[in-house]
N, C-alpha and C. Protein backbone atom coordinates (compact mmCIF):
# COMPACT_ATOMS: atom_id res chain seq x y z
N MET A 1 149.15 101.69 34.63
CA MET A 1 150.35 102.46 34.87
C MET A 1 150.10 103.33 36.10
N THR A 2 151.00 103.24 37.05
CA THR A 2 150.82 103.97 38.30
C THR A 2 151.56 105.31 38.25
N TYR A 3 151.29 106.11 39.25
CA TYR A 3 151.97 107.40 39.36
C TYR A 3 153.48 107.21 39.46
N GLU A 4 153.92 106.19 40.20
CA GLU A 4 155.35 105.95 40.36
C GLU A 4 156.00 105.61 39.02
N ASP A 5 155.31 104.85 38.19
CA ASP A 5 155.83 104.52 36.86
C ASP A 5 155.99 105.77 36.00
N ILE A 6 154.98 106.61 36.03
CA ILE A 6 155.02 107.85 35.25
C ILE A 6 156.12 108.78 35.77
N ALA A 7 156.24 108.90 37.08
CA ALA A 7 157.26 109.77 37.67
C ALA A 7 158.66 109.26 37.33
N THR A 8 158.86 107.96 37.40
CA THR A 8 160.16 107.38 37.07
C THR A 8 160.50 107.63 35.60
N PHE A 9 159.53 107.41 34.72
CA PHE A 9 159.74 107.65 33.30
C PHE A 9 160.08 109.12 33.04
N ALA A 10 159.35 110.03 33.67
CA ALA A 10 159.59 111.47 33.47
C ALA A 10 160.97 111.87 33.99
N GLN A 11 161.38 111.33 35.11
CA GLN A 11 162.69 111.66 35.66
C GLN A 11 163.80 111.15 34.76
N GLN A 12 163.68 109.92 34.30
CA GLN A 12 164.71 109.36 33.44
C GLN A 12 164.72 110.05 32.08
N GLY A 13 163.54 110.33 31.54
CA GLY A 13 163.46 111.03 30.25
C GLY A 13 164.03 112.43 30.35
N GLY A 14 163.73 113.13 31.43
CA GLY A 14 164.27 114.48 31.61
C GLY A 14 165.77 114.47 31.76
N THR A 15 166.28 113.50 32.50
CA THR A 15 167.72 113.39 32.67
C THR A 15 168.41 113.13 31.33
N LEU A 16 167.86 112.22 30.55
CA LEU A 16 168.45 111.93 29.24
C LEU A 16 168.37 113.13 28.31
N PHE A 17 167.23 113.83 28.33
CA PHE A 17 167.07 115.01 27.47
C PHE A 17 168.10 116.08 27.82
N PHE A 18 168.22 116.42 29.10
CA PHE A 18 169.14 117.49 29.48
C PHE A 18 170.60 117.07 29.34
N MET A 19 170.90 115.79 29.53
CA MET A 19 172.26 115.32 29.31
C MET A 19 172.62 115.43 27.82
N THR A 20 171.68 115.08 26.96
CA THR A 20 171.91 115.20 25.52
C THR A 20 172.08 116.66 25.11
N ALA A 21 171.25 117.53 25.65
CA ALA A 21 171.36 118.96 25.34
C ALA A 21 172.70 119.52 25.83
N PHE A 22 173.13 119.12 27.01
CA PHE A 22 174.41 119.59 27.54
C PHE A 22 175.57 119.10 26.68
N LEU A 23 175.55 117.84 26.31
CA LEU A 23 176.64 117.30 25.48
C LEU A 23 176.66 117.96 24.10
N ALA A 24 175.49 118.25 23.53
CA ALA A 24 175.44 118.94 22.24
C ALA A 24 176.03 120.35 22.36
N GLY A 25 175.70 121.06 23.42
CA GLY A 25 176.28 122.39 23.64
C GLY A 25 177.77 122.33 23.87
N LEU A 26 178.21 121.34 24.59
CA LEU A 26 179.64 121.17 24.85
C LEU A 26 180.39 120.89 23.56
N LEU A 27 179.86 119.99 22.75
CA LEU A 27 180.51 119.69 21.47
C LEU A 27 180.52 120.91 20.56
N TYR A 28 179.45 121.69 20.57
CA TYR A 28 179.41 122.91 19.76
C TYR A 28 180.48 123.90 20.22
N ALA A 29 180.60 124.08 21.52
CA ALA A 29 181.53 125.07 22.05
C ALA A 29 182.98 124.66 21.89
N LEU A 30 183.25 123.37 21.82
CA LEU A 30 184.63 122.90 21.75
C LEU A 30 185.11 122.59 20.34
N GLN A 31 184.32 122.94 19.34
CA GLN A 31 184.76 122.73 17.96
C GLN A 31 185.93 123.65 17.66
N PRO A 32 187.00 123.09 17.10
CA PRO A 32 188.17 123.94 16.79
C PRO A 32 187.86 125.08 15.82
N ARG A 33 186.94 124.87 14.89
CA ARG A 33 186.65 125.93 13.92
C ARG A 33 185.90 127.11 14.55
N LYS A 34 185.38 126.96 15.75
CA LYS A 34 184.67 128.03 16.45
C LYS A 34 185.60 128.89 17.30
N LYS A 35 186.86 128.52 17.42
CA LYS A 35 187.80 129.22 18.30
C LYS A 35 187.91 130.70 17.94
N ALA A 36 188.08 131.02 16.66
CA ALA A 36 188.21 132.42 16.25
C ALA A 36 186.95 133.21 16.59
N GLU A 37 185.80 132.63 16.37
CA GLU A 37 184.54 133.32 16.67
C GLU A 37 184.40 133.58 18.17
N PHE A 38 184.74 132.61 19.00
CA PHE A 38 184.63 132.79 20.44
C PHE A 38 185.71 133.75 20.96
N ASP A 39 186.89 133.73 20.38
CA ASP A 39 187.93 134.69 20.78
C ASP A 39 187.49 136.11 20.46
N ARG A 40 186.88 136.30 19.29
CA ARG A 40 186.39 137.63 18.90
C ARG A 40 185.28 138.08 19.85
N ALA A 41 184.40 137.18 20.22
CA ALA A 41 183.31 137.51 21.14
C ALA A 41 183.86 137.84 22.54
N ALA A 42 184.94 137.17 22.95
CA ALA A 42 185.53 137.43 24.26
C ALA A 42 186.18 138.81 24.31
N ARG A 43 186.66 139.31 23.17
CA ARG A 43 187.31 140.62 23.13
C ARG A 43 186.33 141.77 22.92
N MET A 44 185.08 141.49 22.58
CA MET A 44 184.11 142.55 22.27
C MET A 44 183.95 143.58 23.39
N PRO A 45 183.86 143.20 24.66
CA PRO A 45 183.71 144.23 25.70
C PRO A 45 184.92 145.16 25.79
N LEU A 46 186.08 144.67 25.40
CA LEU A 46 187.30 145.48 25.49
C LEU A 46 187.50 146.35 24.27
N ASP A 47 186.83 146.02 23.17
CA ASP A 47 187.00 146.76 21.92
C ASP A 47 185.98 147.86 21.74
N GLY A 48 185.26 148.22 22.77
CA GLY A 48 184.19 149.21 22.66
C GLY A 48 184.73 150.57 22.27
N ASP A 49 183.84 151.39 21.71
CA ASP A 49 184.21 152.75 21.33
C ASP A 49 184.32 153.61 22.58
N ASP A 50 185.41 154.31 22.72
CA ASP A 50 185.59 155.24 23.85
C ASP A 50 185.24 156.64 23.36
N ASP A 51 184.08 157.11 23.79
CA ASP A 51 183.63 158.44 23.35
C ASP A 51 184.18 159.52 24.21
């Protein structure tokens, strides 16, 4: 196995890993049941206590 073989495998493996991680995060963020939680999190900076 040459350096080029190892480098190609690492590049393809890394691409697949990060693509899978990105798609998993995207699917998590776009779940309809998470909408209320994300809306509440988006309003948190505006709901702060004014002392």
